[in-house]
Each structure stands twice: as C-alpha cells, then as structure tokens.
Amino acid sequence: MSASAARPAGAALPLDTTAGHLLRRAQQVHTALWSAEFGGDLTGPQYALLSALTQGSVVDQGTAGRLASLDKSTAADVIARLERNDWLHRQRDTSDGRRYLLSLTAPARAALEYITPKVAAVQVRLLEPLAARDRDWFTAALARVAYAGEPPPVSTEPGRPRALQMPVTPGHLLRRSEQLHGVAWARRVGTALTPSQYGLLSGLAWNAPVDQGTAGDLASLDKSSTADIIARLLRRGLVARIPDDRDRRRKLVVLTDRARSVLEEITPAVELVQRDLVAPLPEADATRLVDLLRIVAYRGRPDRGSA
C-alpha cells in the first residue's frame, strides 16, 4: 500500500516512508559512526576533498570542490584547514591567475594509506544492517539518486594515491543525495516549512500527544534543534502545549487545526519532492531503495514516526 493511500486526509507523509527523511537519518548514522572512528581529527568532507585530489597530480580548486560535492564556501573552508595541516599544497595557476591548483603533500599521501581502511570500515558498519546480497545493489542505486542519473566512472588509473572514490562510497552518496533533497524541497515546497519542521509536524500527526523530547526523537532531531523548531512552530500557531493528564506538571505537544490545514496544503508538494529524488530509478527499484534506506536509517529497529 502506498503512503498516500494509507494517509488520512490532511495528514503528513509518515516519515518512515519518506526518502528525504530516511536519507537525513541515515546520514546522521554515518556521522555518528565517523565520529566514533575519527573523533574530530578528520571530517567526511575533508576526506572527500583529499579523495578528489587523487584524480590527478594537480586539480583546480573548483573541480576539487565539485568532485567532493562541496559548495564554494564549504570547499574554501575545507581547503584552508587541510592547507594549515600541511595536507595539501595550493598555488595560483600560472596560465590563469584567477584559478588555484591543488595537490596532495607527501604527508597527506602517507596519511591516506592509514586513513582509507578506517573510512572503508565506517562504510561497512553503515551497511551492516543490510543483507549481504543487498549492499552492492543499494550503493549502486543510491549513486543514481545522488548523481541524478548515471554516476561518474570510477578511475582505474594505476599509481593513484590510495583513497575511496566518492561515487561508490555510501556515506558520501547519502550526503550528496541529501543535498539534492534540499534543492528539490526549495523548488517544490519553498519556505512554507523546512524539512525539519515538516518532520516534526509529521511525527505529531501520526502519534498521540507526546512530550517535546519524544517529538524530537520521532523527527530525528537533537534537543537543541527540537527546542528551536517547536518555539518557531508555537509562534506560528502550528503546535500547542497541553497538560499531561497523567502528570499535570508535564506538557505535551499537539498539532493545531491550523497545522493540519497547512499539512493538507503542502503535503502533495512534499510527495513530489520524494518522487523527484528517486526519479532516476524505475518505480520498483525506487521502492526497494526506500525499503533498504529504512533499514540503514533505523538500524533494523522498529520504525518510528508513523502510525
């Protein structure tokens, strides 16, 4: 049964059927696994930039940023940090003074030999909840979503420094797919609600009144983000706080009638965002990918945030 068929009139999409939410939650899982492995010593975007620089002896800054799926501002910050750590060398292009060329330093090349197996181990742990037969399929399907079609070829050039290549690295593909979700959301939904605001309202729509912490958990939000979002939704009259009948000192969060009207109005656009996201895949493959994403995102535990 499709999410739209199962959804009561005016209700939000259940989060455990929503590709955008599952991507964000799976990316949170990847971030947690990465942090457990590396602490604050190396970030995923930094590794992606280093991987991009293995594509040639020198790579211009714009190309490196695109290969690492970083916007200009983020790429500039990542490059500056790596340069300070003596992991890359940056110089002006003698043929075009407006362009910078980047190359790996000797310490970076040596570090990649040590770091890359650890990055690979994070990817293995990320996909552990999937059956072995599904892991390669999942990565290939996710790559088509992440690149909105055929992903770039993986280089087989001999003598390259050792690094995972991003088109076949699940954590990177999750981050890139989540970026595309943001683009599609801005185009289809605009500023009516952010994805996180919609997620919190969806969690409330599909569950009995809950406390603020549970509302955030349903939407996969940390405590700080939950508090900020609920404060904004309270000001807009989209949620209200009511006393808990079992403990009058405790407040529960509920949807208002205005929120239900807003959800009824924008949920068709949100549904289009999800279709846009998986459009590079045949329908059966898109359904299978969402099912596997749910397993990765919820680590095989019962689904949260739906009826």
Protein backbone atom coordinates (compact mmCIF):
# COMPACT_ATOMS: atom_id res chain seq x y z
CA MET A 1 0.00 0.00 0.00
CA SER A 2 1.41 3.43 -0.89
CA ALA A 3 1.98 6.15 1.65
CA SER A 4 -0.67 8.33 0.01
CA ALA A 5 -3.24 5.51 0.11
CA ALA A 6 -2.55 4.86 3.80
CA ARG A 7 -2.57 8.53 4.79
CA PRO A 8 -5.70 10.03 6.35
CA ALA A 9 -6.96 13.18 4.66
CA GLY A 10 -4.90 16.14 5.75
CA ALA A 11 -2.15 14.12 7.43
CA ALA A 12 1.55 14.35 6.66
CA LEU A 13 3.59 11.68 4.96
CA PRO A 14 4.77 9.09 7.52
CA LEU A 15 8.47 9.68 7.97
CA ASP A 16 9.46 6.03 7.61
CA THR A 17 8.20 6.07 4.01
CA THR A 18 9.80 9.39 3.10
CA ALA A 19 13.07 9.19 1.16
CA GLY A 20 14.24 12.63 2.25
CA HIS A 21 13.81 11.90 5.95
CA LEU A 22 15.40 8.46 5.63
CA LEU A 23 18.41 9.98 3.85
CA ARG A 24 18.87 12.54 6.62
CA ARG A 25 18.54 9.93 9.35
CA ALA A 26 20.94 7.54 7.55
CA GLN A 27 23.39 10.41 7.17
CA GLN A 28 23.15 11.02 10.92
CA VAL A 29 24.03 7.36 11.45
CA HIS A 30 27.04 7.76 9.15
CA THR A 31 28.15 10.89 11.01
CA ALA A 32 27.94 9.08 14.35
CA LEU A 33 29.95 6.13 13.03
CA TRP A 34 32.51 8.51 11.51
CA SER A 35 32.87 10.43 14.77
CA ALA A 36 33.37 7.21 16.68
CA GLU A 37 36.21 6.28 14.31
CA PHE A 38 37.90 9.66 13.84
CA GLY A 39 36.70 11.94 16.62
CA GLY A 40 37.42 15.49 15.45
CA ASP A 41 40.62 14.64 13.59
CA LEU A 42 39.11 14.33 10.11
CA THR A 43 35.68 15.12 8.67
CA GLY A 44 33.87 13.40 5.83
CA PRO A 45 34.06 16.48 3.59
CA GLN A 46 37.80 16.74 4.25
CA TYR A 47 38.31 13.14 3.20
CA ALA A 48 36.15 13.70 0.11
CA LEU A 49 38.38 16.64 -0.87
CA LEU A 50 41.51 14.54 -0.36
CA SER A 51 39.96 11.81 -2.49
CA ALA A 52 39.24 14.36 -5.23
CA LEU A 53 42.92 15.31 -5.27
CA THR A 54 43.89 11.73 -6.08
CA GLN A 55 42.31 12.23 -9.53
CA GLY A 56 45.49 13.84 -10.86
CA SER A 57 48.84 15.33 -9.91
CA VAL A 58 47.14 18.74 -9.66
CA VAL A 59 43.43 19.57 -9.59
CA ASP A 60 41.96 23.06 -9.81
CA GLN A 61 40.05 24.23 -6.75
CA GLY A 62 36.66 24.42 -8.46
CA THR A 63 36.91 20.90 -9.85
CA ALA A 64 38.07 19.52 -6.50
CA GLY A 65 35.07 21.09 -4.77
CA ARG A 66 32.66 19.64 -7.33
CA LEU A 67 34.19 16.17 -7.09
CA ALA A 68 33.81 16.35 -3.30
CA SER A 69 30.22 17.70 -3.60
CA LEU A 70 31.06 20.87 -1.68
CA ASP A 71 29.72 24.35 -2.35
CA LYS A 72 32.28 27.11 -2.88
CA SER A 73 32.19 28.42 0.67
CA THR A 74 32.49 24.99 2.28
CA ALA A 75 35.21 23.95 -0.18
CA ALA A 76 37.21 27.07 0.64
CA ASP A 77 36.98 26.34 4.38
CA VAL A 78 37.92 22.67 3.96
CA ILE A 79 40.86 23.59 1.71
CA ALA A 80 42.10 26.19 4.20
CA ARG A 81 42.02 23.64 7.04
CA LEU A 82 43.83 20.98 5.03
CA GLU A 83 46.42 23.54 3.91
CA ARG A 84 47.06 24.59 7.53
CA ASN A 85 47.61 20.92 8.39
CA ASP A 86 50.08 20.60 5.51
CA TRP A 87 47.88 18.03 3.76
CA LEU A 88 47.56 19.94 0.50
CA HIS A 89 49.53 22.47 -1.45
CA ARG A 90 47.75 25.39 -3.12
CA GLN A 91 49.22 27.63 -5.79
CA ARG A 92 47.96 30.03 -8.44
CA ASP A 93 47.65 28.70 -11.95
CA THR A 94 50.41 30.43 -13.96
CA SER A 95 48.17 30.41 -17.04
CA ASP A 96 45.15 31.88 -15.20
CA GLY A 97 45.82 33.97 -12.10
CA ARG A 98 42.17 33.71 -11.00
CA ARG A 99 42.43 29.95 -10.55
CA TYR A 100 44.12 27.91 -7.83
CA LEU A 101 45.66 24.48 -8.33
CA LEU A 102 45.69 21.93 -5.53
CA SER A 103 47.89 18.92 -4.96
CA LEU A 104 48.43 16.41 -2.16
CA THR A 105 51.50 16.79 0.02
CA ALA A 106 53.74 13.88 0.95
CA PRO A 107 52.27 13.73 4.50
CA ALA A 108 48.75 13.53 3.03
CA ARG A 109 49.73 10.70 0.68
CA ALA A 110 51.21 8.80 3.61
CA ALA A 111 48.16 9.52 5.80
CA LEU A 112 45.76 8.23 3.15
CA GLU A 113 47.37 4.81 3.39
CA TYR A 114 46.41 4.74 7.08
CA ILE A 115 43.10 6.62 6.90
CA THR A 116 41.43 4.91 3.93
CA PRO A 117 40.99 1.49 5.60
CA LYS A 118 39.32 3.26 8.54
CA VAL A 119 36.97 5.12 6.17
CA ALA A 120 36.18 1.83 4.44
CA ALA A 121 35.39 0.28 7.83
CA VAL A 122 32.87 3.06 8.53
CA GLN A 123 31.10 2.25 5.25
CA VAL A 124 30.97 -1.43 6.17
CA ARG A 125 29.43 -0.61 9.55
CA LEU A 126 26.93 1.74 7.91
CA LEU A 127 25.60 -1.06 5.69
CA GLU A 128 25.82 -3.85 8.30
CA PRO A 129 22.03 -3.98 8.87
CA LEU A 130 21.50 -4.90 5.19
CA ALA A 131 21.66 -8.44 3.90
CA ALA A 132 24.98 -9.07 2.15
CA ARG A 133 23.21 -9.54 -1.20
CA ASP A 134 21.65 -6.06 -0.94
CA ARG A 135 24.72 -3.94 -0.15
CA ASP A 136 26.22 -3.54 -3.62
CA TRP A 137 22.77 -3.01 -5.13
CA PHE A 138 21.96 -0.38 -2.51
CA THR A 139 25.18 1.53 -3.20
CA ALA A 140 24.65 1.46 -6.97
CA ALA A 141 21.01 2.60 -6.69
CA LEU A 142 21.92 5.32 -4.21
CA ALA A 143 24.62 6.53 -6.60
CA ARG A 144 22.00 7.03 -9.35
CA VAL A 145 19.93 9.10 -6.91
CA ALA A 146 22.95 11.06 -5.67
CA TYR A 147 24.08 11.97 -9.19
CA ALA A 148 20.54 12.32 -10.63
CA GLY A 149 21.36 9.66 -13.18
CA GLU A 150 24.47 7.80 -14.22
CA PRO A 151 27.27 8.41 -11.69
CA PRO A 152 30.74 9.39 -12.94
CA PRO A 153 33.06 6.49 -13.73
CA VAL A 154 35.44 5.24 -11.09
CA SER A 155 39.07 5.80 -12.04
CA THR A 156 41.25 2.75 -12.52
CA GLU A 157 44.40 4.73 -13.26
CA PRO A 158 47.42 2.88 -11.84
CA GLY A 159 49.63 4.61 -9.32
CA ARG A 160 46.88 6.76 -7.79
CA PRO A 161 47.24 7.51 -4.06
CA ARG A 162 45.06 5.20 -2.03
CA ALA A 163 41.59 6.63 -1.37
CA LEU A 164 37.97 5.57 -1.64
CA GLN A 165 36.31 7.08 -4.67
CA MET A 166 33.20 9.06 -3.85
CA PRO A 167 30.79 7.63 -6.47
CA VAL A 168 31.00 4.24 -4.71
CA THR A 169 31.21 5.45 -1.09
CA PRO A 170 27.80 5.15 0.65
CA GLY A 171 28.36 7.88 3.25
CA HIS A 172 29.27 10.39 0.55
CA LEU A 173 26.29 9.31 -1.56
CA LEU A 174 23.97 9.92 1.38
CA ARG A 175 25.33 13.43 1.86
CA ARG A 176 25.07 14.24 -1.85
CA SER A 177 21.52 12.83 -2.05
CA GLU A 178 20.52 14.90 0.97
CA GLN A 179 21.82 18.00 -0.82
CA LEU A 180 19.61 17.16 -3.82
CA HIS A 181 16.67 16.74 -1.46
CA GLY A 182 17.26 20.29 -0.21
CA VAL A 183 17.29 21.62 -3.77
CA ALA A 184 14.08 19.77 -4.65
CA TRP A 185 12.44 20.95 -1.41
CA ALA A 186 13.26 24.58 -2.16
CA ARG A 187 11.80 24.22 -5.65
CA ARG A 188 8.61 22.36 -4.70
CA VAL A 189 7.81 23.49 -1.16
CA GLY A 190 9.68 26.77 -0.84
CA THR A 191 9.73 28.43 2.57
CA ALA A 192 6.32 27.30 3.85
CA LEU A 193 8.04 24.76 6.11
CA THR A 194 11.58 23.46 6.36
CA PRO A 195 12.13 19.68 6.08
CA SER A 196 12.83 19.51 9.82
CA GLN A 197 9.66 21.45 10.65
CA TYR A 198 7.64 19.17 8.40
CA GLY A 199 9.26 16.14 10.02
CA LEU A 200 8.30 17.28 13.49
CA LEU A 201 4.71 18.00 12.42
CA SER A 202 4.56 14.61 10.72
CA GLY A 203 5.69 12.88 13.89
CA LEU A 204 2.94 14.64 15.81
CA ALA A 205 0.33 13.90 13.13
CA TRP A 206 0.96 10.16 13.31
CA ASN A 207 1.22 9.81 17.07
CA ALA A 208 -0.73 10.61 20.21
CA PRO A 209 0.28 13.81 22.05
CA VAL A 210 3.90 13.43 23.17
CA ASP A 211 6.40 15.42 25.21
CA GLN A 212 8.94 17.67 23.49
CA GLY A 213 11.78 15.15 23.73
CA THR A 214 9.73 12.38 22.13
CA ALA A 215 8.58 14.76 19.38
CA GLY A 216 12.21 15.47 18.55
CA ASP A 217 13.10 11.79 18.63
CA LEU A 218 10.28 10.99 16.20
CA ALA A 219 11.67 13.60 13.78
CA SER A 220 15.31 12.56 14.36
CA LEU A 221 16.24 15.94 15.82
CA ASP A 222 18.68 16.74 18.62
CA LYS A 223 17.47 18.55 21.74
CA SER A 224 18.66 22.00 20.68
CA SER A 225 17.09 21.77 17.22
CA THR A 226 13.85 20.40 18.67
CA ALA A 227 13.56 23.29 21.12
CA ASP A 228 14.21 25.86 18.41
CA ILE A 229 11.76 24.32 15.94
CA ILE A 230 8.98 23.92 18.49
CA ALA A 231 9.46 27.54 19.57
CA ARG A 232 9.09 28.66 15.94
CA LEU A 233 6.04 26.45 15.38
CA LEU A 234 4.45 27.76 18.59
CA ARG A 235 4.89 31.35 17.36
CA ARG A 236 3.24 30.42 14.07
CA GLY A 237 0.32 28.74 15.83
CA LEU A 238 1.11 25.33 14.31
CA VAL A 239 1.61 23.46 17.60
CA ALA A 240 0.32 23.96 21.12
CA ARG A 241 1.30 22.71 24.56
CA ILE A 242 -1.26 20.97 26.75
CA PRO A 243 -1.02 19.45 30.26
CA ASP A 244 -0.46 15.72 30.51
CA ASP A 245 -3.49 14.18 32.22
CA ARG A 246 -1.22 11.67 33.96
CA ASP A 247 1.21 14.31 35.23
CA ARG A 248 -0.10 17.89 35.29
CA ARG A 249 3.44 19.25 35.68
CA ARG A 250 4.37 17.77 32.30
CA LYS A 251 3.49 19.41 28.98
CA LEU A 252 2.65 17.59 25.76
CA VAL A 253 2.92 18.94 22.22
CA VAL A 254 -0.01 18.69 19.82
CA LEU A 255 -0.88 19.88 16.34
CA THR A 256 -3.31 22.76 15.95
CA ASP A 257 -6.12 22.89 13.40
CA ARG A 258 -4.05 25.44 11.52
CA ALA A 259 -1.18 22.95 11.28
CA ARG A 260 -3.49 20.31 9.83
CA SER A 261 -4.61 22.79 7.17
CA VAL A 262 -1.01 23.65 6.33
CA LEU A 263 -0.09 19.97 6.11
CA GLU A 264 -3.04 19.28 3.84
CA GLU A 265 -1.92 22.12 1.59
CA ILE A 266 1.78 21.32 1.27
CA THR A 267 1.94 17.52 1.61
CA PRO A 268 1.25 16.97 -2.11
CA ALA A 269 4.33 19.12 -2.86
CA VAL A 270 6.37 17.17 -0.31
CA GLU A 271 5.28 13.96 -2.02
CA LEU A 272 6.53 15.37 -5.33
CA VAL A 273 9.91 16.10 -3.70
CA GLN A 274 10.22 12.43 -2.79
CA ARG A 275 9.33 11.39 -6.33
CA ASP A 276 11.84 13.85 -7.79
CA LEU A 277 14.54 12.40 -5.58
CA VAL A 278 14.13 8.79 -6.73
CA ALA A 279 13.13 9.66 -10.31
CA PRO A 280 16.41 8.28 -11.78
CA LEU A 281 15.27 4.78 -10.73
CA PRO A 282 12.47 2.58 -12.12
CA GLU A 283 9.50 2.50 -9.76
CA ALA A 284 10.24 -0.97 -8.39
CA ASP A 285 13.88 -0.03 -7.74
CA ALA A 286 12.82 3.21 -6.06
CA THR A 287 10.54 1.27 -3.71
CA ARG A 288 13.31 -1.20 -2.93
CA LEU A 289 15.80 1.60 -2.25
CA VAL A 290 13.44 3.29 0.22
CA ASP A 291 12.89 -0.05 1.96
CA LEU A 292 16.65 -0.56 2.30
CA LEU A 293 17.18 3.05 3.38
CA ARG A 294 14.70 2.44 6.18
CA ILE A 295 16.80 -0.49 7.40
CA VAL A 296 20.01 1.57 7.27
CA ALA A 297 18.40 4.62 8.89
CA TYR A 298 16.70 2.73 11.73
CA ARG A 299 19.41 0.05 12.12
CA GLY A 300 16.87 -2.77 11.83
CA ARG A 301 14.81 -1.47 14.79
CA PRO A 302 11.04 -0.94 14.53
CA ASP A 303 10.13 2.12 12.51
CA ARG A 304 9.48 5.41 14.28
CA GLY A 305 7.37 8.38 13.34
CA SER A 306 4.48 6.58 11.65
CA ALA A 307 1.17 5.11 12.56
